[in-house]
C-alpha cells in the first residue's frame, strides 16, 4: 500500500515530481492559450490544493499560474 503522508511517497523521487509539475504547468498554459482558460484555472486550483501541505514550492508555482490565468477568464457581470 502506498503511503499518503508526503509528496515523495505519493509520486516518487522529488525530481520526478518536479518534472511532472513543470509538464502540467506547461500543459495548463497551453490549454488557456487554446481558449480554455476556465478549465486551466480549475485544474491549477486543484493542483494548488493538492500541493499546499506537502510541497510549498510547487504550490507557489501553481498559485502564480492560477493568478496569471484568472485574468483570461470570463468574469460574470
C-alpha atoms as a PDB file:
ATOM      1  CA  UNK A   1       0.000   0.000   0.000  1.00  0.00           C
ATOM      2  CA  UNK A   2       1.268   3.492  -0.899  1.00  0.00           C
ATOM      3  CA  UNK A   3       1.658   5.988   1.918  1.00  0.00           C
ATOM      4  CA  UNK A   4      -0.228   9.255   1.547  1.00  0.00           C
ATOM      5  CA  UNK A   5       1.727  11.361   4.035  1.00  0.00           C
ATOM      6  CA  UNK A   6       4.235  13.027   1.702  1.00  0.00           C
ATOM      7  CA  UNK A   7       4.621  14.033  -1.922  1.00  0.00           C
ATOM      8  CA  UNK A   8       7.579  11.693  -2.349  1.00  0.00           C
ATOM      9  CA  UNK A   9       5.561   8.723  -1.080  1.00  0.00           C
ATOM     10  CA  UNK A  10       2.736   9.503  -3.486  1.00  0.00           C
ATOM     11  CA  UNK A  11       4.720  10.476  -6.554  1.00  0.00           C
ATOM     12  CA  UNK A  12       8.238   9.125  -6.264  1.00  0.00           C
ATOM     13  CA  UNK A  13      11.583  10.880  -6.142  1.00  0.00           C
ATOM     14  CA  UNK A  14      11.399  14.666  -5.857  1.00  0.00           C
ATOM     15  CA  UNK A  15      12.989  15.150  -9.283  1.00  0.00           C
ATOM     16  CA  UNK A  16      10.294  13.087 -10.937  1.00  0.00           C
ATOM     17  CA  UNK A  17       7.576  15.075  -9.214  1.00  0.00           C
ATOM     18  CA  UNK A  18       9.184  18.385 -10.153  1.00  0.00           C
ATOM     19  CA  UNK A  19       9.374  17.317 -13.784  1.00  0.00           C
ATOM     20  CA  UNK A  20       5.719  16.303 -13.774  1.00  0.00           C
ATOM     21  CA  UNK A  21       4.726  19.589 -12.147  1.00  0.00           C
ATOM     22  CA  UNK A  22       6.586  21.543 -14.834  1.00  0.00           C
ATOM     23  CA  UNK A  23       4.891  19.469 -17.536  1.00  0.00           C
ATOM     24  CA  UNK A  24       1.483  20.136 -16.001  1.00  0.00           C
ATOM     25  CA  UNK A  25       2.231  23.870 -15.743  1.00  0.00           C
ATOM     26  CA  UNK A  26       3.125  23.998 -19.437  1.00  0.00           C
ATOM     27  CA  UNK A  27       0.043  21.986 -20.347  1.00  0.00           C
ATOM     28  CA  UNK A  28      -2.251  24.295 -18.395  1.00  0.00           C
ATOM     29  CA  UNK A  29      -0.710  27.351 -20.057  1.00  0.00           C
ATOM     30  CA  UNK A  30      -1.292  25.754 -23.478  1.00  0.00           C
ATOM     31  CA  UNK A  31      -4.874  24.896 -22.517  1.00  0.00           C
ATOM     32  CA  UNK A  32      -5.507  28.529 -21.569  1.00  0.00           C
ATOM     33  CA  UNK A  33      -3.967  29.794 -24.819  1.00  0.00           C
ATOM     34  CA  UNK A  34      -6.267  27.410 -26.706  1.00  0.00           C
ATOM     35  CA  UNK A  35      -9.279  29.236 -25.298  1.00  0.00           C
ATOM     36  CA  UNK A  36      -9.884  27.071 -22.241  1.00  0.00           C
ATOM     37  CA  UNK A  37      -8.713  29.436 -19.506  1.00  0.00           C
ATOM     38  CA  UNK A  38     -11.593  28.486 -17.186  1.00  0.00           C
ATOM     39  CA  UNK A  39     -10.668  24.796 -17.346  1.00  0.00           C
ATOM     40  CA  UNK A  40      -6.978  25.598 -16.881  1.00  0.00           C
ATOM     41  CA  UNK A  41      -7.797  27.683 -13.788  1.00  0.00           C
ATOM     42  CA  UNK A  42      -9.893  24.902 -12.273  1.00  0.00           C
ATOM     43  CA  UNK A  43      -7.073  22.409 -12.753  1.00  0.00           C
ATOM     44  CA  UNK A  44      -4.442  24.819 -11.436  1.00  0.00           C
ATOM     45  CA  UNK A  45      -6.622  25.364  -8.363  1.00  0.00           C
ATOM     46  CA  UNK A  46      -6.851  21.620  -7.805  1.00  0.00           C
ATOM     47  CA  UNK A  47      -3.071  21.339  -8.093  1.00  0.00           C
ATOM     48  CA  UNK A  48      -2.703  24.146  -5.537  1.00  0.00           C
ATOM     49  CA  UNK A  49      -4.952  22.322  -3.100  1.00  0.00           C
ATOM     50  CA  UNK A  50      -3.062  19.061  -3.626  1.00  0.00           C
ATOM     51  CA  UNK A  51       0.363  20.623  -3.113  1.00  0.00           C
ATOM     52  CA  UNK A  52      -0.370  23.126  -0.340  1.00  0.00           C
ATOM     53  CA  UNK A  53       0.692  20.918   2.583  1.00  0.00           C
ATOM     54  CA  UNK A  54       3.487  18.784   1.147  1.00  0.00           C
ATOM     55  CA  UNK A  55       5.170  20.981  -1.467  1.00  0.00           C
ATOM     56  CA  UNK A  56       5.104  24.736  -0.759  1.00  0.00           C
ATOM     57  CA  UNK A  57       7.404  25.443  -3.710  1.00  0.00           C
ATOM     58  CA  UNK A  58       5.152  23.570  -6.110  1.00  0.00           C
ATOM     59  CA  UNK A  59       2.127  25.265  -4.575  1.00  0.00           C
ATOM     60  CA  UNK A  60       3.683  28.690  -5.283  1.00  0.00           C
ATOM     61  CA  UNK A  61       4.227  27.792  -8.947  1.00  0.00           C
ATOM     62  CA  UNK A  62       0.622  26.714  -9.457  1.00  0.00           C
ATOM     63  CA  UNK A  63      -0.719  29.611  -7.409  1.00  0.00           C
ATOM     64  CA  UNK A  64       1.206  32.067  -9.600  1.00  0.00           C
ATOM     65  CA  UNK A  65      -0.119  30.359 -12.729  1.00  0.00           C
ATOM     66  CA  UNK A  66      -3.653  30.487 -11.354  1.00  0.00           C
ATOM     67  CA  UNK A  67      -3.377  34.224 -10.773  1.00  0.00           C
ATOM     68  CA  UNK A  68      -1.957  34.821 -14.262  1.00  0.00           C
ATOM     69  CA  UNK A  69      -4.652  32.731 -15.918  1.00  0.00           C
ATOM     70  CA  UNK A  70      -7.504  34.226 -13.930  1.00  0.00           C
ATOM     71  CA  UNK A  71      -7.040  37.422 -15.962  1.00  0.00           C
ATOM     72  CA  UNK A  72      -8.015  35.423 -19.065  1.00  0.00           C
ATOM     73  CA  UNK A  73     -11.270  34.028 -17.698  1.00  0.00           C
ATOM     74  CA  UNK A  74     -14.750  35.379 -18.299  1.00  0.00           C
ATOM     75  CA  UNK A  75     -15.886  37.385 -15.307  1.00  0.00           C
ATOM     76  CA  UNK A  76     -19.618  37.451 -14.587  1.00  0.00           C
ATOM     77  CA  UNK A  77     -21.317  40.819 -14.579  1.00  0.00           C
END
